[in-house]
Amino acid sequence: MTLSNPERRRCTATRKDGSACQAWASKTTGFCPLHGPNASQIHVDGGLSKTRAHMLETRMNPKLKDIVQLLGMAAKQVHAGQITPQQGSALASIATALIRAVESAELEMRLAVLEVRLKGDRNEF
């Protein structure tokens, strides 16, 4: 069973290879989102999600984001002369210790979960 809507149209743009775009068009512009007036912004936004900074930010432990922001702010303050390099170094040392503590606690938690699962699997045999 094919559902067809006579009001829906295909995009009127052509692709780089010269073939017609097969995407559904907007009623107002006659183009799909990738060929319409906001196409460049859509392409930029799509590319940003592939950047290392974005991937790092989305995959980073939420507990560590504050520490990373603090380190970034401290680096800017050292560069601007608002705090001394020694103060920035002290903050970096403290932040490193905090990061290691958080990572260690998470690793311990993950290991405990695996041990519980492994014991559960042994009881099945």
PDB file of N, CA and C in Angstrom:
ATOM      1  N   MET A   1       0.843  -1.170   0.000  1.00  0.00           N
ATOM      2  CA  MET A   1       0.000   0.000   0.000  1.00  0.00           C
ATOM      3  C   MET A   1       0.892   1.237   0.000  1.00  0.00           C
ATOM      4  N   THR A   2       0.713   2.114  -0.943  1.00  0.00           N
ATOM      5  CA  THR A   2       1.506   3.326  -1.049  1.00  0.00           C
ATOM      6  C   THR A   2       0.646   4.521  -0.713  1.00  0.00           C
ATOM      7  N   LEU A   3       1.125   5.320   0.211  1.00  0.00           N
ATOM      8  CA  LEU A   3       0.419   6.541   0.561  1.00  0.00           C
ATOM      9  C   LEU A   3       1.025   7.684  -0.229  1.00  0.00           C
ATOM     10  N   SER A   4       0.217   8.364  -1.005  1.00  0.00           N
ATOM     11  CA  SER A   4       0.743   9.505  -1.739  1.00  0.00           C
ATOM     12  C   SER A   4      -0.037  10.740  -1.344  1.00  0.00           C
ATOM     13  N   ASN A   5       0.678  11.813  -1.217  1.00  0.00           N
ATOM     14  CA  ASN A   5       0.073  13.085  -0.861  1.00  0.00           C
ATOM     15  C   ASN A   5       0.318  14.030  -2.029  1.00  0.00           C
ATOM     16  N   PRO A   6      -0.734  14.404  -2.750  1.00  0.00           N
ATOM     17  CA  PRO A   6      -0.521  15.243  -3.928  1.00  0.00           C
ATOM     18  C   PRO A   6       0.052  16.617  -3.596  1.00  0.00           C
ATOM     19  N   GLU A   7      -0.069  17.054  -2.352  1.00  0.00           N
ATOM     20  CA  GLU A   7       0.454  18.357  -1.956  1.00  0.00           C
ATOM     21  C   GLU A   7       1.971  18.342  -1.759  1.00  0.00           C
ATOM     22  N   ARG A   8       2.528  17.173  -1.542  1.00  0.00           N
ATOM     23  CA  ARG A   8       3.974  17.074  -1.303  1.00  0.00           C
ATOM     24  C   ARG A   8       4.719  17.084  -2.623  1.00  0.00           C
ATOM     25  N   ARG A   9       5.790  17.846  -2.658  1.00  0.00           N
ATOM     26  CA  ARG A   9       6.608  17.950  -3.859  1.00  0.00           C
ATOM     27  C   ARG A   9       8.043  17.596  -3.525  1.00  0.00           C
ATOM     28  N   ARG A  10       8.779  17.227  -4.532  1.00  0.00           N
ATOM     29  CA  ARG A  10      10.204  16.966  -4.382  1.00  0.00           C
ATOM     30  C   ARG A  10      10.976  18.271  -4.514  1.00  0.00           C
ATOM     31  N   CYS A  11      12.162  18.291  -3.953  1.00  0.00           N
ATOM     32  CA  CYS A  11      13.045  19.462  -4.036  1.00  0.00           C
ATOM     33  C   CYS A  11      13.374  19.746  -5.499  1.00  0.00           C
ATOM     34  N   THR A  12      13.418  21.008  -5.839  1.00  0.00           N
ATOM     35  CA  THR A  12      13.695  21.391  -7.233  1.00  0.00           C
ATOM     36  C   THR A  12      15.178  21.618  -7.517  1.00  0.00           C
ATOM     37  N   ALA A  13      16.021  21.432  -6.528  1.00  0.00           N
ATOM     38  CA  ALA A  13      17.462  21.645  -6.699  1.00  0.00           C
ATOM     39  C   ALA A  13      18.111  20.444  -7.378  1.00  0.00           C
ATOM     40  N   THR A  14      19.300  20.682  -7.912  1.00  0.00           N
ATOM     41  CA  THR A  14      20.095  19.592  -8.480  1.00  0.00           C
ATOM     42  C   THR A  14      21.309  19.357  -7.590  1.00  0.00           C
ATOM     43  N   ARG A  15      21.727  18.124  -7.538  1.00  0.00           N
ATOM     44  CA  ARG A  15      22.900  17.751  -6.736  1.00  0.00           C
ATOM     45  C   ARG A  15      24.172  18.124  -7.470  1.00  0.00           C
ATOM     46  N   LYS A  16      25.296  17.960  -6.787  1.00  0.00           N
ATOM     47  CA  LYS A  16      26.597  18.271  -7.398  1.00  0.00           C
ATOM     48  C   LYS A  16      26.854  17.435  -8.642  1.00  0.00           C
ATOM     49  N   ASP A  17      26.335  16.202  -8.645  1.00  0.00           N
ATOM     50  CA  ASP A  17      26.561  15.333  -9.805  1.00  0.00           C
ATOM     51  C   ASP A  17      25.590  15.615 -10.953  1.00  0.00           C
ATOM     52  N   GLY A  18      24.684  16.597 -10.772  1.00  0.00           N
ATOM     53  CA  GLY A  18      23.759  16.984 -11.828  1.00  0.00           C
ATOM     54  C   GLY A  18      22.403  16.309 -11.755  1.00  0.00           C
ATOM     55  N   SER A  19      22.266  15.299 -10.897  1.00  0.00           N
ATOM     56  CA  SER A  19      20.980  14.616 -10.786  1.00  0.00           C
ATOM     57  C   SER A  19      20.025  15.421  -9.908  1.00  0.00           C
ATOM     58  N   ALA A  20      18.739  15.142 -10.056  1.00  0.00           N
ATOM     59  CA  ALA A  20      17.726  15.868  -9.282  1.00  0.00           C
ATOM     60  C   ALA A  20      17.721  15.391  -7.835  1.00  0.00           C
ATOM     61  N   CYS A  21      17.534  16.327  -6.923  1.00  0.00           N
ATOM     62  CA  CYS A  21      17.411  15.980  -5.504  1.00  0.00           C
ATOM     63  C   CYS A  21      16.083  15.261  -5.305  1.00  0.00           C
ATOM     64  N   GLN A  22      16.085  14.197  -4.527  1.00  0.00           N
ATOM     65  CA  GLN A  22      14.886  13.397  -4.314  1.00  0.00           C
ATOM     66  C   GLN A  22      14.210  13.667  -2.970  1.00  0.00           C
ATOM     67  N   ALA A  23      14.740  14.602  -2.202  1.00  0.00           N
ATOM     68  CA  ALA A  23      14.177  14.895  -0.882  1.00  0.00           C
ATOM     69  C   ALA A  23      12.866  15.657  -1.011  1.00  0.00           C
ATOM     70  N   TRP A  24      12.050  15.579   0.028  1.00  0.00           N
ATOM     71  CA  TRP A  24      10.782  16.314   0.030  1.00  0.00           C
ATOM     72  C   TRP A  24      11.057  17.795   0.226  1.00  0.00           C
ATOM     73  N   ALA A  25      10.315  18.597  -0.502  1.00  0.00           N
ATOM     74  CA  ALA A  25      10.498  20.045  -0.477  1.00  0.00           C
ATOM     75  C   ALA A  25       9.575  20.703   0.539  1.00  0.00           C
ATOM     76  N   SER A  26       9.997  21.853   0.995  1.00  0.00           N
ATOM     77  CA  SER A  26       9.165  22.687   1.846  1.00  0.00           C
ATOM     78  C   SER A  26       8.071  23.312   0.985  1.00  0.00           C
ATOM     79  N   LYS A  27       6.892  23.498   1.553  1.00  0.00           N
ATOM     80  CA  LYS A  27       5.796  24.116   0.803  1.00  0.00           C
ATOM     81  C   LYS A  27       6.090  25.571   0.476  1.00  0.00           C
ATOM     82  N   THR A  28       6.863  26.224   1.308  1.00  0.00           N
ATOM     83  CA  THR A  28       7.108  27.654   1.109  1.00  0.00           C
ATOM     84  C   THR A  28       8.253  27.948   0.149  1.00  0.00           C
ATOM     85  N   THR A  29       9.316  27.147   0.188  1.00  0.00           N
ATOM     86  CA  THR A  29      10.486  27.463  -0.636  1.00  0.00           C
ATOM     87  C   THR A  29      10.606  26.610  -1.887  1.00  0.00           C
ATOM     88  N   GLY A  30      10.049  25.411  -1.864  1.00  0.00           N
ATOM     89  CA  GLY A  30      10.217  24.501  -2.989  1.00  0.00           C
ATOM     90  C   GLY A  30      11.511  23.718  -2.922  1.00  0.00           C
ATOM     91  N   PHE A  31      12.288  23.915  -1.854  1.00  0.00           N
ATOM     92  CA  PHE A  31      13.558  23.210  -1.661  1.00  0.00           C
ATOM     93  C   PHE A  31      13.512  22.375  -0.381  1.00  0.00           C
ATOM     94  N   CYS A  32      14.342  21.358  -0.328  1.00  0.00           N
ATOM     95  CA  CYS A  32      14.518  20.597   0.909  1.00  0.00           C
ATOM     96  C   CYS A  32      15.385  21.421   1.860  1.00  0.00           C
ATOM     97  N   PRO A  33      15.487  21.022   3.134  1.00  0.00           N
ATOM     98  CA  PRO A  33      16.307  21.804   4.074  1.00  0.00           C
ATOM     99  C   PRO A  33      17.768  21.958   3.649  1.00  0.00           C
ATOM    100  N   LEU A  34      18.315  20.965   2.966  1.00  0.00           N
ATOM    101  CA  LEU A  34      19.735  21.039   2.581  1.00  0.00           C
ATOM    102  C   LEU A  34      19.980  21.902   1.351  1.00  0.00           C
ATOM    103  N   HIS A  35      18.929  22.290   0.657  1.00  0.00           N
ATOM    104  CA  HIS A  35      19.080  23.166  -0.502  1.00  0.00           C
ATOM    105  C   HIS A  35      18.369  24.496  -0.321  1.00  0.00           C
ATOM    106  N   GLY A  36      17.672  24.677   0.768  1.00  0.00           N
ATOM    107  CA  GLY A  36      16.900  25.887   1.014  1.00  0.00           C
ATOM    108  C   GLY A  36      17.738  27.060   1.467  1.00  0.00           C
ATOM    109  N   PRO A  37      17.075  28.143   1.884  1.00  0.00           N
ATOM    110  CA  PRO A  37      17.784  29.366   2.270  1.00  0.00           C
ATOM    111  C   PRO A  37      18.681  29.209   3.501  1.00  0.00           C
ATOM    112  N   ASN A  38      18.382  28.250   4.367  1.00  0.00           N
ATOM    113  CA  ASN A  38      19.203  28.045   5.578  1.00  0.00           C
ATOM    114  C   ASN A  38      20.178  26.890   5.410  1.00  0.00           C
ATOM    115  N   ALA A  39      20.422  26.471   4.184  1.00  0.00           N
ATOM    116  CA  ALA A  39      21.256  25.297   3.938  1.00  0.00           C
ATOM    117  C   ALA A  39      22.669  25.445   4.488  1.00  0.00           C
ATOM    118  N   SER A  40      23.266  26.623   4.317  1.00  0.00           N
ATOM    119  CA  SER A  40      24.651  26.780   4.780  1.00  0.00           C
ATOM    120  C   SER A  40      24.743  26.623   6.293  1.00  0.00           C
ATOM    121  N   GLN A  41      23.767  27.155   7.033  1.00  0.00           N
ATOM    122  CA  GLN A  41      23.788  27.020   8.490  1.00  0.00           C
ATOM    123  C   GLN A  41      23.576  25.565   8.907  1.00  0.00           C
ATOM    124  N   ILE A  42      22.727  24.845   8.197  1.00  0.00           N
ATOM    125  CA  ILE A  42      22.500  23.430   8.492  1.00  0.00           C
ATOM    126  C   ILE A  42      23.782  22.639   8.271  1.00  0.00           C
ATOM    127  N   HIS A  43      24.496  22.949   7.197  1.00  0.00           N
ATOM    128  CA  HIS A  43      25.765  22.261   6.924  1.00  0.00           C
ATOM    129  C   HIS A  43      26.798  22.578   8.000  1.00  0.00           C
ATOM    130  N   VAL A  44      26.856  23.828   8.435  1.00  0.00           N
ATOM    131  CA  VAL A  44      27.804  24.226   9.489  1.00  0.00           C
ATOM    132  C   VAL A  44      27.474  23.506  10.784  1.00  0.00           C
ATOM    133  N   ASP A  45      26.199  23.514  11.162  1.00  0.00           N
ATOM    134  CA  ASP A  45      25.787  22.856  12.401  1.00  0.00           C
ATOM    135  C   ASP A  45      26.088  21.368  12.358  1.00  0.00           C
ATOM    136  N   GLY A  46      25.868  20.755  11.213  1.00  0.00           N
ATOM    137  CA  GLY A  46      26.167  19.331  11.074  1.00  0.00           C
ATOM    138  C   GLY A  46      27.650  19.058  11.208  1.00  0.00           C
ATOM    139  N   GLY A  47      28.473  19.945  10.673  1.00  0.00           N
ATOM    140  CA  GLY A  47      29.921  19.774  10.762  1.00  0.00           C
ATOM    141  C   GLY A  47      30.445  19.967  12.168  1.00  0.00           C
ATOM    142  N   LEU A  48      29.802  20.874  12.924  1.00  0.00           N
ATOM    143  CA  LEU A  48      30.257  21.124  14.290  1.00  0.00           C
ATOM    144  C   LEU A  48      30.112  19.890  15.170  1.00  0.00           C
ATOM    145  N   SER A  49      29.098  19.070  14.894  1.00  0.00           N
ATOM    146  CA  SER A  49      28.900  17.887  15.725  1.00  0.00           C
ATOM    147  C   SER A  49      29.997  16.852  15.510  1.00  0.00           C
ATOM    148  N   LYS A  50      30.790  17.021  14.460  1.00  0.00           N
ATOM    149  CA  LYS A  50      31.879  16.091  14.177  1.00  0.00           C
ATOM    150  C   LYS A  50      33.223  16.565  14.733  1.00  0.00           C
ATOM    151  N   THR A  51      33.277  17.771  15.273  1.00  0.00           N
ATOM    152  CA  THR A  51      34.548  18.293  15.750  1.00  0.00           C
ATOM    153  C   THR A  51      34.996  17.570  17.010  1.00  0.00           C
ATOM    154  N   ARG A  52      36.282  17.544  17.222  1.00  0.00           N
ATOM    155  CA  ARG A  52      36.821  16.889  18.419  1.00  0.00           C
ATOM    156  C   ARG A  52      36.353  17.572  19.690  1.00  0.00           C
ATOM    157  N   ALA A  53      36.274  18.893  19.645  1.00  0.00           N
ATOM    158  CA  ALA A  53      35.835  19.626  20.837  1.00  0.00           C
ATOM    159  C   ALA A  53      34.411  19.254  21.204  1.00  0.00           C
ATOM    160  N   HIS A  54      33.537  19.161  20.217  1.00  0.00           N
ATOM    161  CA  HIS A  54      32.147  18.796  20.488  1.00  0.00           C
ATOM    162  C   HIS A  54      32.054  17.365  21.001  1.00  0.00           C
ATOM    163  N   MET A  55      32.792  16.470  20.363  1.00  0.00           N
ATOM    164  CA  MET A  55      32.755  15.070  20.784  1.00  0.00           C
ATOM    165  C   MET A  55      33.295  14.926  22.203  1.00  0.00           C
ATOM    166  N   LEU A  56      34.359  15.660  22.524  1.00  0.00           N
ATOM    167  CA  LEU A  56      34.910  15.618  23.868  1.00  0.00           C
ATOM    168  C   LEU A  56      33.897  16.150  24.875  1.00  0.00           C
ATOM    169  N   GLU A  57      33.255  17.259  24.524  1.00  0.00           N
ATOM    170  CA  GLU A  57      32.298  17.873  25.440  1.00  0.00           C
ATOM    171  C   GLU A  57      31.103  16.972  25.700  1.00  0.00           C
ATOM    172  N   THR A  58      30.602  16.299  24.672  1.00  0.00           N
ATOM    173  CA  THR A  58      29.419  15.460  24.856  1.00  0.00           C
ATOM    174  C   THR A  58      29.748  14.139  25.539  1.00  0.00           C
ATOM    175  N   ARG A  59      30.972  13.684  25.410  1.00  0.00           N
ATOM    176  CA  ARG A  59      31.349  12.396  26.015  1.00  0.00           C
ATOM    177  C   ARG A  59      32.025  12.546  27.371  1.00  0.00           C
ATOM    178  N   MET A  60      32.359  13.766  27.730  1.00  0.00           N
ATOM    179  CA  MET A  60      33.068  13.992  28.984  1.00  0.00           C
ATOM    180  C   MET A  60      32.157  13.729  30.185  1.00  0.00           C
ATOM    181  N   ASN A  61      32.744  13.188  31.206  1.00  0.00           N
ATOM    182  CA  ASN A  61      32.023  12.977  32.454  1.00  0.00           C
ATOM    183  C   ASN A  61      31.518  14.331  32.956  1.00  0.00           C
ATOM    184  N   PRO A  62      30.223  14.434  33.239  1.00  0.00           N
ATOM    185  CA  PRO A  62      29.680  15.721  33.694  1.00  0.00           C
ATOM    186  C   PRO A  62      30.364  16.261  34.946  1.00  0.00           C
ATOM    187  N   LYS A  63      30.873  15.376  35.781  1.00  0.00           N
ATOM    188  CA  LYS A  63      31.557  15.810  37.000  1.00  0.00           C
ATOM    189  C   LYS A  63      32.871  16.531  36.682  1.00  0.00           C
ATOM    190  N   LEU A  64      33.439  16.220  35.526  1.00  0.00           N
ATOM    191  CA  LEU A  64      34.730  16.802  35.174  1.00  0.00           C
ATOM    192  C   LEU A  64      34.599  18.104  34.391  1.00  0.00           C
ATOM    193  N   LYS A  65      33.409  18.406  33.884  1.00  0.00           N
ATOM    194  CA  LYS A  65      33.226  19.619  33.082  1.00  0.00           C
ATOM    195  C   LYS A  65      33.554  20.876  33.878  1.00  0.00           C
ATOM    196  N   ASP A  66      33.136  20.919  35.141  1.00  0.00           N
ATOM    197  CA  ASP A  66      33.427  22.089  35.971  1.00  0.00           C
ATOM    198  C   ASP A  66      34.932  22.270  36.167  1.00  0.00           C
ATOM    199  N   ILE A  67      35.627  21.165  36.337  1.00  0.00           N
ATOM    200  CA  ILE A  67      37.071  21.226  36.542  1.00  0.00           C
ATOM    201  C   ILE A  67      37.760  21.727  35.275  1.00  0.00           C
ATOM    202  N   VAL A  68      37.329  21.230  34.134  1.00  0.00           N
ATOM    203  CA  VAL A  68      37.914  21.666  32.865  1.00  0.00           C
ATOM    204  C   VAL A  68      37.639  23.154  32.642  1.00  0.00           C
ATOM    205  N   GLN A  69      36.435  23.606  32.975  1.00  0.00           N
ATOM    206  CA  GLN A  69      36.115  25.035  32.846  1.00  0.00           C
ATOM    207  C   GLN A  69      36.985  25.867  33.786  1.00  0.00           C
ATOM    208  N   LEU A  70      37.197  25.378  34.996  1.00  0.00           N
ATOM    209  CA  LEU A  70      38.044  26.083  35.957  1.00  0.00           C
ATOM    210  C   LEU A  70      39.461  26.212  35.425  1.00  0.00           C
ATOM    211  N   LEU A  71      39.984  25.139  34.847  1.00  0.00           N
ATOM    212  CA  LEU A  71      41.336  25.182  34.288  1.00  0.00           C
ATOM    213  C   LEU A  71      41.424  26.152  33.114  1.00  0.00           C
ATOM    214  N   GLY A  72      40.406  26.162  32.267  1.00  0.00           N
ATOM    215  CA  GLY A  72      40.384  27.103  31.153  1.00  0.00           C
ATOM    216  C   GLY A  72      40.354  28.540  31.633  1.00  0.00           C
ATOM    217  N   MET A  73      39.552  28.804  32.662  1.00  0.00           N
ATOM    218  CA  MET A  73      39.466  30.152  33.220  1.00  0.00           C
ATOM    219  C   MET A  73      40.801  30.542  33.862  1.00  0.00           C
ATOM    220  N   ALA A  74      41.429  29.602  34.550  1.00  0.00           N
ATOM    221  CA  ALA A  74      42.721  29.896  35.178  1.00  0.00           C
ATOM    222  C   ALA A  74      43.781  30.209  34.128  1.00  0.00           C
ATOM    223  N   ALA A  75      43.760  29.462  33.021  1.00  0.00           N
ATOM    224  CA  ALA A  75      44.728  29.722  31.950  1.00  0.00           C
ATOM    225  C   ALA A  75      44.536  31.131  31.388  1.00  0.00           C
ATOM    226  N   LYS A  76      43.292  31.538  31.208  1.00  0.00           N
ATOM    227  CA  LYS A  76      43.017  32.891  30.707  1.00  0.00           C
ATOM    228  C   LYS A  76      43.471  33.942  31.711  1.00  0.00           C
ATOM    229  N   GLN A  77      43.271  33.664  33.004  1.00  0.00           N
ATOM    230  CA  GLN A  77      43.669  34.623  34.036  1.00  0.00           C
ATOM    231  C   GLN A  77      45.184  34.751  34.111  1.00  0.00           C
ATOM    232  N   VAL A  78      45.891  33.647  33.948  1.00  0.00           N
ATOM    233  CA  VAL A  78      47.357  33.705  33.927  1.00  0.00           C
ATOM    234  C   VAL A  78      47.809  34.511  32.720  1.00  0.00           C
ATOM    235  N   HIS A  79      47.210  34.248  31.581  1.00  0.00           N
ATOM    236  CA  HIS A  79      47.577  34.961  30.360  1.00  0.00           C
ATOM    237  C   HIS A  79      47.297  36.459  30.479  1.00  0.00           C
ATOM    238  N   ALA A  80      46.198  36.816  31.150  1.00  0.00           N
ATOM    239  CA  ALA A  80      45.838  38.231  31.303  1.00  0.00           C
ATOM    240  C   ALA A  80      46.586  38.897  32.454  1.00  0.00           C
ATOM    241  N   GLY A  81      47.345  38.117  33.226  1.00  0.00           N
ATOM    242  CA  GLY A  81      48.086  38.679  34.346  1.00  0.00           C
ATOM    243  C   GLY A  81      47.247  38.888  35.596  1.00  0.00           C
ATOM    244  N   GLN A  82      46.061  38.300  35.640  1.00  0.00           N
ATOM    245  CA  GLN A  82      45.185  38.447  36.801  1.00  0.00           C
ATOM    246  C   GLN A  82      45.612  37.555  37.958  1.00  0.00           C
ATOM    247  N   ILE A  83      46.219  36.411  37.642  1.00  0.00           N
ATOM    248  CA  ILE A  83      46.803  35.554  38.677  1.00  0.00           C
ATOM    249  C   ILE A  83      48.213  35.184  38.224  1.00  0.00           C
ATOM    250  N   THR A  84      49.041  34.787  39.165  1.00  0.00           N
ATOM    251  CA  THR A  84      50.424  34.445  38.836  1.00  0.00           C
ATOM    252  C   THR A  84      50.477  33.040  38.221  1.00  0.00           C
ATOM    253  N   PRO A  85      51.532  32.769  37.462  1.00  0.00           N
ATOM    254  CA  PRO A  85      51.689  31.411  36.930  1.00  0.00           C
ATOM    255  C   PRO A  85      51.756  30.357  38.041  1.00  0.00           C
ATOM    256  N   GLN A  86      52.311  30.727  39.184  1.00  0.00           N
ATOM    257  CA  GLN A  86      52.369  29.783  40.305  1.00  0.00           C
ATOM    258  C   GLN A  86      50.954  29.443  40.805  1.00  0.00           C
ATOM    259  N   GLN A  87      50.096  30.450  40.871  1.00  0.00           N
ATOM    260  CA  GLN A  87      48.717  30.193  41.284  1.00  0.00           C
ATOM    261  C   GLN A  87      48.003  29.308  40.257  1.00  0.00           C
ATOM    262  N   GLY A  88      48.241  29.570  38.978  1.00  0.00           N
ATOM    263  CA  GLY A  88      47.659  28.739  37.927  1.00  0.00           C
ATOM    264  C   GLY A  88      48.162  27.312  38.011  1.00  0.00           C
ATOM    265  N   SER A  89      49.445  27.158  38.297  1.00  0.00           N
ATOM    266  CA  SER A  89      50.021  25.823  38.437  1.00  0.00           C
ATOM    267  C   SER A  89      49.441  25.090  39.638  1.00  0.00           C
ATOM    268  N   ALA A  90      49.226  25.812  40.728  1.00  0.00           N
ATOM    269  CA  ALA A  90      48.619  25.197  41.910  1.00  0.00           C
ATOM    270  C   ALA A  90      47.205  24.727  41.600  1.00  0.00           C
ATOM    271  N   LEU A  91      46.431  25.551  40.884  1.00  0.00           N
ATOM    272  CA  LEU A  91      45.082  25.143  40.491  1.00  0.00           C
ATOM    273  C   LEU A  91      45.118  23.903  39.604  1.00  0.00           C
ATOM    274  N   ALA A  92      46.086  23.865  38.677  1.00  0.00           N
ATOM    275  CA  ALA A  92      46.212  22.710  37.791  1.00  0.00           C
ATOM    276  C   ALA A  92      46.542  21.445  38.574  1.00  0.00           C
ATOM    277  N   SER A  93      47.382  21.556  39.578  1.00  0.00           N
ATOM    278  CA  SER A  93      47.731  20.397  40.402  1.00  0.00           C
ATOM    279  C   SER A  93      46.524  19.884  41.171  1.00  0.00           C
ATOM    280  N   ILE A  94      45.761  20.808  41.741  1.00  0.00           N
ATOM    281  CA  ILE A  94      44.561  20.418  42.480  1.00  0.00           C
ATOM    282  C   ILE A  94      43.541  19.778  41.534  1.00  0.00           C
ATOM    283  N   ALA A  95      43.375  20.383  40.351  1.00  0.00           N
ATOM    284  CA  ALA A  95      42.432  19.845  39.382  1.00  0.00           C
ATOM    285  C   ALA A  95      42.842  18.447  38.925  1.00  0.00           C
ATOM    286  N   THR A  96      44.132  18.229  38.735  1.00  0.00           N
ATOM    287  CA  THR A  96      44.618  16.913  38.343  1.00  0.00           C
ATOM    288  C   THR A  96      44.292  15.875  39.407  1.00  0.00           C
ATOM    289  N   ALA A  97      44.480  16.236  40.656  1.00  0.00           N
ATOM    290  CA  ALA A  97      44.152  15.318  41.751  1.00  0.00           C
ATOM    291  C   ALA A  97      42.652  15.020  41.777  1.00  0.00           C
ATOM    292  N   LEU A  98      41.827  16.046  41.566  1.00  0.00           N
ATOM    293  CA  LEU A  98      40.377  15.833  41.541  1.00  0.00           C
ATOM    294  C   LEU A  98      39.970  14.916  40.391  1.00  0.00           C
ATOM    295  N   ILE A  99      40.561  15.144  39.228  1.00  0.00           N
ATOM    296  CA  ILE A  99      40.232  14.311  38.068  1.00  0.00           C
ATOM    297  C   ILE A  99      40.616  12.864  38.330  1.00  0.00           C
ATOM    298  N   ARG A 100      41.774  12.650  38.877  1.00  0.00           N
ATOM    299  CA  ARG A 100      42.206  11.276  39.183  1.00  0.00           C
ATOM    300  C   ARG A 100      41.295  10.623  40.212  1.00  0.00           C
ATOM    301  N   ALA A 101      40.851  11.373  41.199  1.00  0.00           N
ATOM    302  CA  ALA A 101      39.954  10.822  42.217  1.00  0.00           C
ATOM    303  C   ALA A 101      38.613  10.419  41.595  1.00  0.00           C
ATOM    304  N   VAL A 102      38.071  11.279  40.736  1.00  0.00           N
ATOM    305  CA  VAL A 102      36.791  10.971  40.093  1.00  0.00           C
ATOM    306  C   VAL A 102      36.943   9.756  39.180  1.00  0.00           C
ATOM    307  N   GLU A 103      37.991   9.733  38.371  1.00  0.00           N
ATOM    308  CA  GLU A 103      38.210   8.610  37.470  1.00  0.00           C
ATOM    309  C   GLU A 103      38.429   7.314  38.236  1.00  0.00           C
ATOM    310  N   SER A 104      39.158   7.379  39.335  1.00  0.00           N
ATOM    311  CA  SER A 104      39.405   6.189  40.150  1.00  0.00           C
ATOM    312  C   SER A 104      38.114   5.668  40.761  1.00  0.00           C
ATOM    313  N   ALA A 105      37.286   6.565  41.277  1.00  0.00           N
ATOM    314  CA  ALA A 105      36.012   6.155  41.872  1.00  0.00           C
ATOM    315  C   ALA A 105      35.109   5.513  40.824  1.00  0.00           C
ATOM    316  N   GLU A 106      35.089   6.087  39.624  1.00  0.00           N
ATOM    317  CA  GLU A 106      34.262   5.510  38.562  1.00  0.00           C
ATOM    318  C   GLU A 106      34.776   4.148  38.132  1.00  0.00           C
ATOM    319  N   LEU A 107      36.076   4.011  38.054  1.00  0.00           N
ATOM    320  CA  LEU A 107      36.664   2.727  37.682  1.00  0.00           C
ATOM    321  C   LEU A 107      36.336   1.670  38.727  1.00  0.00           C
ATOM    322  N   GLU A 108      36.421   2.033  40.005  1.00  0.00           N
ATOM    323  CA  GLU A 108      36.065   1.103  41.080  1.00  0.00           C
ATOM    324  C   GLU A 108      34.609   0.676  40.974  1.00  0.00           C
ATOM    325  N   MET A 109      33.725   1.629  40.659  1.00  0.00           N
ATOM    326  CA  MET A 109      32.307   1.330  40.540  1.00  0.00           C
ATOM    327  C   MET A 109      32.061   0.381  39.363  1.00  0.00           C
ATOM    328  N   ARG A 110      32.699   0.651  38.224  1.00  0.00           N
ATOM    329  CA  ARG A 110      32.525  -0.211  37.055  1.00  0.00           C
ATOM    330  C   ARG A 110      33.055  -1.609  37.314  1.00  0.00           C
ATOM    331  N   LEU A 111      34.166  -1.696  38.024  1.00  0.00           N
ATOM    332  CA  LEU A 111      34.744  -2.991  38.368  1.00  0.00           C
ATOM    333  C   LEU A 111      33.817  -3.768  39.294  1.00  0.00           C
ATOM    334  N   ALA A 112      33.216  -3.087  40.263  1.00  0.00           N
ATOM    335  CA  ALA A 112      32.288  -3.744  41.176  1.00  0.00           C
ATOM    336  C   ALA A 112      31.076  -4.295  40.426  1.00  0.00           C
ATOM    337  N   VAL A 113      30.576  -3.544  39.452  1.00  0.00           N
ATOM    338  CA  VAL A 113      29.439  -4.020  38.659  1.00  0.00           C
ATOM    339  C   VAL A 113      29.823  -5.255  37.871  1.00  0.00           C
ATOM    340  N   LEU A 114      31.007  -5.240  37.262  1.00  0.00           N
ATOM    341  CA  LEU A 114      31.473  -6.408  36.515  1.00  0.00           C
ATOM    342  C   LEU A 114      31.641  -7.622  37.412  1.00  0.00           C
ATOM    343  N   GLU A 115      32.160  -7.420  38.613  1.00  0.00           N
ATOM    344  CA  GLU A 115      32.341  -8.533  39.545  1.00  0.00           C
ATOM    345  C   GLU A 115      30.994  -9.136  39.936  1.00  0.00           C
ATOM    346  N   VAL A 116      29.996  -8.298  40.163  1.00  0.00           N
ATOM    347  CA  VAL A 116      28.660  -8.793  40.503  1.00  0.00           C
ATOM    348  C   VAL A 116      28.093  -9.599  39.343  1.00  0.00           C
ATOM    349  N   ARG A 117      28.260  -9.084  38.127  1.00  0.00           N
ATOM    350  CA  ARG A 117      27.766  -9.810  36.953  1.00  0.00           C
ATOM    351  C   ARG A 117      28.488 -11.137  36.777  1.00  0.00           C
ATOM    352  N   LEU A 118      29.803 -11.132  36.993  1.00  0.00           N
ATOM    353  CA  LEU A 118      30.576 -12.355  36.841  1.00  0.00           C
ATOM    354  C   LEU A 118      30.143 -13.394  37.867  1.00  0.00           C
ATOM    355  N   LYS A 119      29.917 -12.984  39.103  1.00  0.00           N
ATOM    356  CA  LYS A 119      29.446 -13.915  40.129  1.00  0.00           C
ATOM    357  C   LYS A 119      28.076 -14.454  39.768  1.00  0.00           C
ATOM    358  N   GLY A 120      27.224 -13.617  39.203  1.00  0.00           N
ATOM    359  CA  GLY A 120      25.893 -14.060  38.781  1.00  0.00           C
ATOM    360  C   GLY A 120      25.985 -15.088  37.664  1.00  0.00           C
ATOM    361  N   ASP A 121      26.913 -14.907  36.738  1.00  0.00           N
ATOM    362  CA  ASP A 121      27.092 -15.867  35.643  1.00  0.00           C
ATOM    363  C   ASP A 121      27.603 -17.201  36.158  1.00  0.00           C
ATOM    364  N   ARG A 122      28.461 -17.188  37.159  1.00  0.00           N
ATOM    365  CA  ARG A 122      29.012 -18.435  37.717  1.00  0.00           C
ATOM    366  C   ARG A 122      27.919 -19.227  38.414  1.00  0.00           C
ATOM    367  N   ASN A 123      26.960 -18.554  39.028  1.00  0.00           N
ATOM    368  CA  ASN A 123      25.881 -19.247  39.714  1.00  0.00           C
ATOM    369  C   ASN A 123      24.940 -19.951  38.756  1.00  0.00           C
ATOM    370  N   GLU A 124      24.926 -19.563  37.483  1.00  0.00           N
ATOM    371  CA  GLU A 124      24.054 -20.176  36.509  1.00  0.00           C
ATOM    372  C   GLU A 124      24.581 -21.533  36.060  1.00  0.00           C
ATOM    373  N   PHE A 125      25.878 -21.784  36.190  1.00  0.00           N
ATOM    374  CA  PHE A 125      26.459 -23.043  35.704  1.00  0.00           C
ATOM    375  C   PHE A 125      26.310 -24.130  36.695  1.00  0.00           C
TER     376      PHE A 125
END
